[in-house]
Amino acid sequence: DALPLRFLPALFKHKRSRDRHVKLHTGDRKYRCSQCEAAFSRSDHLKIHMKTHDHAKPFQCAMCNRGYNTAAALTSHMQNHRKNASSGPNRQGPAVLSKRMSAMMGADSGGGPLICSQCGAPSADFESFRAHLASHLEGRMSRSCPECRAEFPSSQQLESHVAAHFLSTSVEYGCQACLKLFTRPDELQKHLLDMHAHHLYRCALCRDVFDSKVGVQVHFAVKHSNECQVFKCSACNAAYRSEPEFALHVQVTHLAKAAPYRCLLCDQTFASEPLLQSHLDTHGKQFSCALCSQAFHSRSDLENHMKAHTASPSKHKCNICDEICPSATTLAEHKLTHCKVVKGSTCAVCREVLRSEDQFLAHVNSHGGGPALPLPCVVCRQTLMSEVELRMHARFH
C-alpha cells in the first residue's frame, strides 16, 4: 500500500523513498563534510560535494598538459582538441591525429605504452587509450533513479521517470486576464466581478450612460443643476420657486388668519364657514348645467363640472395592458415599462446604432415612418400612438 506523508499530501511507493523525502522536512543532515560546514541528508550528495575540495588532477591532457579531476572531464577536453584539429586549415583526419598524439605520448613516456591512471592498464596507442577512458566514464555514469533505484538505458528515460515521482496534478481555475489561479470556481467569479467587471452609471433624468461614478456626478452638476431664485417665507420657512406662488401663500395662509373664509365671487372674508355659505346664497347659482340639474355660483365651477361629462375614459388608455392614465405624458412613461429593449440603441431593421435623439427621429422618417401616427419604434418595435410617445422613446433609447 502507498505510504502517506503527514507534512504534504504526497504518497510514495517504497518506504525508503518516503524516509528520504521526510528528511527534507525534518532537516536531518547527518552526512557532514570534513573540510567545511556543509551537511547533507544523503551520502551520495556528500560524495559529489567532496570533489569540490579535491585539488588533485590525475587526468592530464597529452597535448596541452592540462589536468582534470575526472576522466569524463579529460574526455570532453580531448574532444575539443579533435574538433579544433578537424576545423583547422590542415583538416587532419582522426588517424593523423591519433598518430600525432601517440607520438607525443610516446615521447613523454619514453616510447612505452600509455598507462591508465585509474586502473593501471596499458594502451598501445592513443585511440585505444581514449576508448579505455570512455569505459571508465560509462561506468561512472549511473542511470538509476534516486527514488526507487530503477535502472534505465538512456538519460531521457531516466529524466521522464524521475519527473513522474514528483509530478502532482490538480484542477484549478485561472483568470485569462491576469493569470491568477483559484481552487474554486466561485472564487474565480468573485475575482472577475471585483477586478475586471465594468460598471456603468445611467442618468435617470436623460438616460445618458457613463463609465464612472465621477462622470455621472459631473453630468448632474453640469446638465441638471442650475441656480434659481427661491422665495422663502420668513414666518413659516415655506419656499417657492416663483413670486406668484409666494403671493398666493401669503394671501391664503397669513392674510386669512383673521377671516380665513373668503368669497371667491366678491373677495369678502368671513370668520366661519356657515357665514360664508350664507353669503354665497345671496349671490345665487346663476350657472346651471345643461346635462344635469346642478347649478354653480361661477362659470369656472361650471366648466370644471362639464369636464366630467365630456371626458373620455379611454382617451389615455394603454394599448398593451388597457390601463387608463390621466395624461398623455403619464401614458408614454407607463408604456416604457412594457419596452423589451432596456439597453441598446440599435435599429431592429438595418442594425444601425442611433446615438442621439435627433438621429433617432430622422431614422424613423428614413424607414417610411413620416409624421403619420401610429408607427412602430425602430428599436423595440412598440407601437407609438402619439408625438409624446415618439419623443419619449427617442430619449429612452
Protein backbone atom coordinates (compact mmCIF):
# COMPACT_ATOMS: atom_id res chain seq x y z
CA ASP A 1 0.00 0.00 0.00
CA ALA A 2 1.05 3.58 -0.59
CA LEU A 3 2.62 5.27 2.44
CA PRO A 4 1.09 8.65 3.40
CA LEU A 5 3.12 11.67 4.48
CA ARG A 6 1.97 13.92 7.30
CA PHE A 7 3.70 17.05 6.02
CA LEU A 8 2.34 17.16 2.49
CA PRO A 9 -0.45 15.29 0.65
CA ALA A 10 2.10 13.06 -1.14
CA LEU A 11 2.21 9.28 -1.48
CA PHE A 12 5.27 7.05 -2.02
CA LYS A 13 5.53 3.54 -3.34
CA HIS A 14 8.51 2.49 -1.19
CA LYS A 15 9.35 3.17 2.44
CA ARG A 16 12.90 4.26 1.60
CA SER A 17 11.53 6.87 -0.79
CA ARG A 18 9.26 8.25 1.91
CA ASP A 19 12.06 8.29 4.52
CA ARG A 20 14.35 10.09 2.09
CA HIS A 21 11.64 12.68 1.42
CA VAL A 22 10.89 13.19 5.13
CA LYS A 23 14.49 14.28 5.68
CA LEU A 24 13.79 17.33 3.50
CA HIS A 25 11.18 18.48 6.07
CA THR A 26 12.88 17.42 9.32
CA GLY A 27 16.30 18.84 8.40
CA ASP A 28 18.11 15.57 9.22
CA ARG A 29 21.58 16.04 7.71
CA LYS A 30 23.91 13.51 9.32
CA TYR A 31 26.43 13.42 6.46
CA ARG A 32 28.82 16.28 7.20
CA CYS A 33 31.81 17.50 5.18
CA SER A 34 35.17 17.20 6.95
CA GLN A 35 36.56 20.19 5.05
CA CYS A 36 33.76 22.75 5.62
CA GLU A 37 30.46 23.20 7.50
CA ALA A 38 28.24 21.76 4.73
CA ALA A 39 25.90 18.89 5.71
CA PHE A 40 23.73 16.60 3.61
CA SER A 41 20.88 14.16 4.15
CA ARG A 42 22.27 11.63 1.63
CA SER A 43 25.74 10.13 1.29
CA ASP A 44 25.88 10.42 -2.50
CA HIS A 45 25.30 14.17 -2.19
CA LEU A 46 28.28 14.34 0.21
CA LYS A 47 30.49 12.47 -2.29
CA ILE A 48 29.63 14.94 -5.02
CA HIS A 49 30.40 17.81 -2.65
CA MET A 50 33.78 16.34 -1.63
CA LYS A 51 35.00 16.60 -5.22
CA THR A 52 34.93 20.38 -4.85
CA HIS A 53 37.70 20.06 -2.19
CA ASP A 54 39.82 17.62 -4.23
CA HIS A 55 42.59 19.71 -5.87
CA ALA A 56 44.46 16.74 -7.31
CA LYS A 57 44.16 16.37 -11.08
CA PRO A 58 45.33 12.85 -12.02
CA PHE A 59 43.91 13.00 -15.57
CA GLN A 60 46.32 15.05 -17.71
CA CYS A 61 45.94 16.07 -21.37
CA ALA A 62 48.78 14.82 -23.61
CA MET A 63 48.50 17.77 -26.00
CA CYS A 64 48.39 20.80 -23.65
CA ASN A 65 49.34 19.23 -20.27
CA ARG A 66 46.17 20.47 -18.57
CA GLY A 67 44.96 18.41 -15.62
CA TYR A 68 41.41 17.30 -14.70
CA ASN A 69 39.75 15.68 -11.69
CA THR A 70 37.76 13.08 -13.62
CA ALA A 71 38.15 11.01 -16.74
CA ALA A 72 34.92 12.49 -18.08
CA ALA A 73 36.37 16.00 -17.98
CA LEU A 74 39.51 14.81 -19.76
CA THR A 75 37.50 13.04 -22.48
CA SER A 76 35.42 16.19 -23.06
CA HIS A 77 38.61 18.23 -23.30
CA MET A 78 40.16 15.79 -25.82
CA GLN A 79 37.07 16.08 -27.99
CA ASN A 80 37.66 19.84 -28.19
CA HIS A 81 41.18 19.12 -29.47
CA ARG A 82 39.73 16.85 -32.15
CA LYS A 83 37.20 19.49 -33.23
CA ASN A 84 39.88 22.16 -33.48
CA ALA A 85 42.11 19.84 -35.48
CA SER A 86 39.31 18.88 -37.91
CA SER A 87 38.24 22.52 -38.47
CA GLY A 88 41.77 23.91 -38.89
CA PRO A 89 43.43 24.81 -42.19
CA ASN A 90 45.21 21.43 -42.45
CA ARG A 91 41.98 19.47 -41.51
CA GLN A 92 43.94 16.49 -40.15
CA GLY A 93 41.94 13.25 -40.01
CA PRO A 94 41.44 11.05 -36.95
CA ALA A 95 44.24 8.70 -38.00
CA VAL A 96 46.77 11.53 -38.35
CA LEU A 97 45.65 12.99 -35.02
CA SER A 98 45.93 9.60 -33.36
CA LYS A 99 49.50 9.12 -34.66
CA ARG A 100 50.45 12.59 -33.54
CA MET A 101 49.02 12.02 -30.07
CA SER A 102 50.66 8.63 -29.84
CA ALA A 103 53.98 10.18 -30.81
CA MET A 104 53.60 12.88 -28.21
CA MET A 105 52.54 10.43 -25.54
CA GLY A 106 55.35 8.08 -26.54
CA ALA A 107 57.84 10.88 -26.31
CA ASP A 108 56.62 11.81 -22.88
CA SER A 109 56.62 8.23 -21.67
CA GLY A 110 59.93 7.25 -23.26
CA GLY A 111 58.29 5.38 -26.17
CA GLY A 112 56.41 2.93 -23.91
CA PRO A 113 52.65 2.16 -23.74
CA LEU A 114 50.07 4.63 -22.36
CA ILE A 115 49.23 3.79 -18.72
CA CYS A 116 45.73 4.49 -17.28
CA SER A 117 45.98 6.37 -14.00
CA GLN A 118 42.70 4.86 -12.78
CA CYS A 119 43.38 1.17 -13.11
CA GLY A 120 47.00 0.99 -14.38
CA ALA A 121 46.01 -0.77 -17.66
CA PRO A 122 48.48 -0.13 -20.58
CA SER A 123 47.34 1.00 -24.05
CA ALA A 124 49.39 0.65 -27.24
CA ASP A 125 48.15 3.87 -28.90
CA PHE A 126 46.07 6.92 -28.18
CA GLU A 127 42.82 5.60 -29.75
CA SER A 128 42.81 2.54 -27.52
CA PHE A 129 43.73 4.76 -24.55
CA ARG A 130 40.75 7.09 -25.32
CA ALA A 131 38.40 4.12 -25.66
CA HIS A 132 39.67 2.78 -22.34
CA LEU A 133 38.97 6.14 -20.65
CA ALA A 134 35.46 6.13 -22.14
CA SER A 135 34.82 2.75 -20.47
CA HIS A 136 35.71 4.32 -17.13
CA LEU A 137 33.36 7.21 -17.89
CA GLU A 138 30.43 4.94 -18.78
CA GLY A 139 30.97 3.03 -15.58
CA ARG A 140 30.79 6.22 -13.56
CA MET A 141 27.63 7.46 -15.26
CA SER A 142 24.73 5.97 -13.34
CA ARG A 143 21.27 5.88 -14.92
CA SER A 144 19.47 4.70 -11.80
CA CYS A 145 16.51 6.51 -10.24
CA PRO A 146 17.48 8.15 -6.90
CA GLU A 147 13.98 7.47 -5.56
CA CYS A 148 13.37 3.82 -6.44
CA ARG A 149 16.82 2.70 -7.77
CA ALA A 150 15.35 1.58 -11.12
CA GLU A 151 17.86 1.37 -14.00
CA PHE A 152 17.28 2.93 -17.43
CA PRO A 153 19.22 2.58 -20.71
CA SER A 154 19.14 6.31 -21.59
CA SER A 155 19.22 9.65 -19.80
CA GLN A 156 15.94 10.77 -21.41
CA GLN A 157 14.06 7.79 -19.97
CA LEU A 158 15.62 8.43 -16.55
CA GLU A 159 14.56 12.08 -16.60
CA SER A 160 10.98 11.18 -17.57
CA HIS A 161 10.84 8.55 -14.81
CA VAL A 162 12.20 10.87 -12.10
CA ALA A 163 9.76 13.60 -13.15
CA ALA A 164 6.90 11.14 -12.61
CA HIS A 165 7.97 10.76 -8.94
CA PHE A 166 7.49 14.48 -8.26
CA LEU A 167 4.57 15.20 -10.59
CA SER A 168 1.34 16.23 -8.87
CA THR A 169 -1.69 17.37 -10.88
CA SER A 170 -4.72 19.31 -9.69
CA VAL A 171 -7.63 21.19 -11.26
CA GLU A 172 -7.53 24.95 -10.78
CA TYR A 173 -9.49 27.81 -12.32
CA GLY A 174 -7.43 30.54 -13.96
CA CYS A 175 -8.20 34.14 -14.88
CA GLN A 176 -7.41 34.77 -18.53
CA ALA A 177 -6.69 38.46 -17.91
CA CYS A 178 -4.16 38.38 -15.02
CA LEU A 179 -3.32 34.61 -14.99
CA LYS A 180 -4.19 34.17 -11.29
CA LEU A 181 -5.27 30.67 -10.19
CA PHE A 182 -8.15 29.80 -7.85
CA THR A 183 -9.13 26.47 -6.29
CA ARG A 184 -12.91 27.02 -6.60
CA PRO A 185 -14.98 28.47 -9.44
CA ASP A 186 -16.87 30.83 -7.12
CA GLU A 187 -13.56 32.42 -6.08
CA LEU A 188 -12.75 33.00 -9.75
CA GLN A 189 -16.18 34.55 -10.36
CA LYS A 190 -15.74 36.89 -7.37
CA HIS A 191 -12.30 37.90 -8.66
CA LEU A 192 -13.70 38.65 -12.13
CA LEU A 193 -16.53 40.77 -10.71
CA ASP A 194 -14.26 42.69 -8.32
CA MET A 195 -11.31 43.27 -10.64
CA HIS A 196 -12.44 43.02 -14.26
CA ALA A 197 -16.19 43.87 -14.37
CA HIS A 198 -17.06 47.22 -15.97
CA HIS A 199 -19.79 49.09 -14.07
CA LEU A 200 -21.94 51.61 -15.93
CA TYR A 201 -23.96 54.50 -14.50
CA ARG A 202 -27.16 55.74 -16.19
CA CYS A 203 -28.75 59.12 -15.56
CA ALA A 204 -32.38 58.61 -14.60
CA LEU A 205 -33.32 62.04 -15.98
CA CYS A 206 -31.94 61.94 -19.53
CA ARG A 207 -30.83 58.27 -19.87
CA ASP A 208 -27.19 59.13 -20.66
CA VAL A 209 -24.71 56.38 -19.73
CA PHE A 210 -21.32 56.93 -18.02
CA ASP A 211 -18.50 54.53 -17.20
CA SER A 212 -17.58 56.02 -13.82
CA LYS A 213 -19.29 57.49 -10.78
CA VAL A 214 -17.32 60.70 -11.15
CA GLY A 215 -18.55 61.06 -14.72
CA VAL A 216 -22.22 60.87 -13.77
CA GLN A 217 -21.64 63.30 -10.88
CA VAL A 218 -20.08 65.82 -13.26
CA HIS A 219 -23.03 65.27 -15.62
CA PHE A 220 -25.51 66.05 -12.83
CA ALA A 221 -23.61 69.19 -11.88
CA VAL A 222 -23.36 70.49 -15.47
CA LYS A 223 -26.64 69.50 -17.09
CA HIS A 224 -29.20 69.01 -14.32
CA SER A 225 -28.09 71.61 -11.76
CA ASN A 226 -28.88 75.33 -12.11
CA GLU A 227 -29.16 78.38 -9.90
CA CYS A 228 -32.71 79.52 -9.20
CA GLN A 229 -34.20 82.27 -7.08
CA VAL A 230 -36.22 80.96 -4.15
CA PHE A 231 -38.93 82.98 -2.44
CA LYS A 232 -38.88 81.97 1.21
CA CYS A 233 -41.43 82.92 3.83
CA SER A 234 -39.76 84.26 6.97
CA ALA A 235 -42.74 83.33 9.14
CA CYS A 236 -43.18 79.63 8.31
CA ASN A 237 -39.98 78.91 6.30
CA ALA A 238 -42.02 77.79 3.27
CA ALA A 239 -40.09 78.14 -0.02
CA TYR A 240 -41.48 78.78 -3.51
CA ARG A 241 -39.84 78.99 -6.93
CA SER A 242 -41.97 81.86 -8.30
CA GLU A 243 -43.30 85.11 -6.92
CA PRO A 244 -46.98 84.35 -7.76
CA GLU A 245 -46.80 81.15 -5.75
CA PHE A 246 -45.33 83.08 -2.81
CA ALA A 247 -48.02 85.75 -3.09
CA LEU A 248 -50.75 83.09 -3.09
CA HIS A 249 -49.17 81.55 0.01
CA VAL A 250 -49.20 84.89 1.83
CA GLN A 251 -52.80 85.54 0.79
CA VAL A 252 -54.13 82.14 1.81
CA THR A 253 -52.01 81.44 4.88
CA HIS A 254 -51.21 84.77 6.54
CA LEU A 255 -53.85 87.27 5.34
CA ALA A 256 -56.78 84.96 6.01
CA LYS A 257 -55.91 84.29 9.66
CA ALA A 258 -58.33 86.95 10.93
CA ALA A 259 -61.05 85.95 8.45
CA PRO A 260 -59.97 82.61 6.98
CA TYR A 261 -63.11 82.09 4.78
CA ARG A 262 -63.06 84.22 1.61
CA CYS A 263 -65.78 84.52 -1.00
CA LEU A 264 -64.42 83.78 -4.46
CA LEU A 265 -67.06 85.97 -6.13
CA CYS A 266 -66.62 89.24 -4.26
CA ASP A 267 -63.44 88.70 -2.14
CA GLN A 268 -65.27 89.29 1.15
CA THR A 269 -63.91 87.35 4.15
CA PHE A 270 -65.82 85.66 6.95
CA ALA A 271 -64.87 84.22 10.34
CA SER A 272 -66.69 80.88 9.91
CA GLU A 273 -67.82 78.54 7.12
CA PRO A 274 -71.61 78.92 7.88
CA LEU A 275 -71.28 82.68 7.39
CA LEU A 276 -69.57 82.10 4.07
CA GLN A 277 -72.30 79.70 2.92
CA SER A 278 -74.99 82.21 3.84
CA HIS A 279 -73.17 84.86 1.87
CA LEU A 280 -72.90 82.60 -1.17
CA ASP A 281 -76.67 82.15 -1.17
CA THR A 282 -77.04 85.87 -1.75
CA HIS A 283 -75.11 85.56 -5.00
CA GLY A 284 -77.37 82.80 -6.29
CA LYS A 285 -76.37 79.91 -8.56
CA GLN A 286 -76.63 81.61 -11.93
CA PHE A 287 -74.72 78.98 -13.95
CA SER A 288 -76.70 75.74 -14.49
CA CYS A 289 -75.52 72.54 -16.16
CA ALA A 290 -77.39 71.71 -19.38
CA LEU A 291 -76.85 67.97 -18.90
CA CYS A 292 -77.96 67.64 -15.27
CA SER A 293 -79.81 69.66 -12.63
CA GLN A 294 -76.76 71.05 -10.82
CA ALA A 295 -76.06 74.80 -10.67
CA PHE A 296 -72.94 76.76 -9.72
CA HIS A 297 -72.03 80.21 -8.48
CA SER A 298 -69.25 80.83 -11.03
CA ARG A 299 -68.53 79.98 -14.64
CA SER A 300 -65.23 78.30 -13.69
CA ASP A 301 -67.07 75.84 -11.42
CA LEU A 302 -69.47 75.07 -14.27
CA GLU A 303 -66.62 74.48 -16.70
CA ASN A 304 -64.93 72.08 -14.29
CA HIS A 305 -68.22 70.27 -13.89
CA MET A 306 -68.71 69.95 -17.67
CA LYS A 307 -65.35 68.21 -18.00
CA ALA A 308 -66.80 65.31 -16.02
CA HIS A 309 -69.46 64.89 -18.72
CA THR A 310 -67.24 65.29 -21.75
CA ALA A 311 -64.05 63.47 -20.63
CA SER A 312 -63.48 60.15 -22.42
CA PRO A 313 -62.29 57.41 -20.01
CA SER A 314 -60.37 55.65 -22.78
CA LYS A 315 -58.57 58.70 -24.23
CA HIS A 316 -55.29 57.86 -22.47
CA LYS A 317 -55.62 54.09 -22.44
CA CYS A 318 -52.59 51.75 -22.79
CA ASN A 319 -52.97 49.57 -25.89
CA ILE A 320 -50.88 46.81 -24.24
CA CYS A 321 -52.40 46.28 -20.79
CA ASP A 322 -55.56 48.51 -21.06
CA GLU A 323 -54.53 50.68 -18.10
CA ILE A 324 -56.03 54.21 -18.16
CA CYS A 325 -53.64 57.09 -17.44
CA PRO A 326 -54.59 60.69 -16.54
CA SER A 327 -52.48 62.32 -19.31
CA ALA A 328 -50.55 61.58 -22.50
CA THR A 329 -47.21 62.07 -20.73
CA THR A 330 -48.15 59.62 -17.98
CA LEU A 331 -49.29 57.14 -20.62
CA ALA A 332 -45.99 57.47 -22.51
CA GLU A 333 -43.99 56.88 -19.31
CA HIS A 334 -46.22 53.91 -18.48
CA LYS A 335 -45.68 52.28 -21.91
CA LEU A 336 -41.90 52.44 -21.38
CA THR A 337 -42.36 49.77 -18.70
CA HIS A 338 -43.52 47.43 -21.48
CA CYS A 339 -40.42 48.12 -23.61
CA LYS A 340 -38.42 44.93 -24.15
CA VAL A 341 -35.19 46.70 -25.15
CA VAL A 342 -33.93 48.33 -21.95
CA LYS A 343 -30.30 48.80 -23.01
CA GLY A 344 -29.14 49.46 -26.55
CA SER A 345 -29.93 51.83 -29.38
CA THR A 346 -29.55 49.59 -32.43
CA CYS A 347 -32.17 49.78 -35.19
CA ALA A 348 -34.03 46.46 -35.45
CA VAL A 349 -34.44 46.91 -39.22
CA CYS A 350 -30.97 47.87 -40.51
CA ARG A 351 -28.82 47.38 -37.33
CA GLU A 352 -27.58 50.98 -37.34
CA VAL A 353 -26.59 52.43 -33.95
CA LEU A 354 -28.58 55.55 -33.03
CA ARG A 355 -26.52 57.83 -30.81
CA SER A 356 -28.79 60.86 -30.25
CA GLU A 357 -32.46 61.87 -30.04
CA ASP A 358 -32.32 63.78 -33.34
CA GLN A 359 -30.72 60.82 -35.10
CA PHE A 360 -33.49 58.56 -33.78
CA LEU A 361 -36.24 60.85 -35.14
CA ALA A 362 -34.50 61.20 -38.51
CA HIS A 363 -34.02 57.45 -38.69
CA VAL A 364 -37.75 56.86 -38.11
CA ASN A 365 -38.51 59.05 -41.13
CA SER A 366 -35.90 57.20 -43.25
CA HIS A 367 -37.80 53.94 -42.72
CA GLY A 368 -41.03 55.44 -44.02
CA GLY A 369 -42.47 56.43 -40.66
CA GLY A 370 -43.07 60.05 -41.58
CA PRO A 371 -45.23 62.30 -39.43
CA ALA A 372 -48.24 59.97 -39.52
CA LEU A 373 -49.09 58.20 -36.27
CA PRO A 374 -49.35 55.49 -35.06
CA LEU A 375 -45.99 53.99 -36.14
CA PRO A 376 -43.59 51.33 -34.72
CA CYS A 377 -40.43 52.18 -32.77
CA VAL A 378 -37.36 51.32 -34.87
CA VAL A 379 -35.52 49.92 -31.80
CA CYS A 380 -38.10 47.98 -29.74
CA ARG A 381 -40.91 47.81 -32.37
CA GLN A 382 -43.52 49.09 -29.86
CA THR A 383 -46.46 50.92 -31.44
CA LEU A 384 -46.24 54.66 -30.76
CA MET A 385 -49.66 56.33 -30.61
CA SER A 386 -48.69 59.98 -30.07
CA GLU A 387 -45.94 62.52 -30.58
CA VAL A 388 -45.25 62.41 -26.82
CA GLU A 389 -44.54 58.65 -27.00
CA LEU A 390 -42.25 59.18 -30.02
CA ARG A 391 -40.20 61.82 -28.17
CA MET A 392 -40.13 59.69 -25.01
CA HIS A 393 -38.75 56.67 -26.94
CA ALA A 394 -36.16 58.88 -28.64
CA ARG A 395 -34.82 59.96 -25.23
CA PHE A 396 -35.13 56.47 -23.71
CA HIS A 397 -33.18 54.64 -26.42
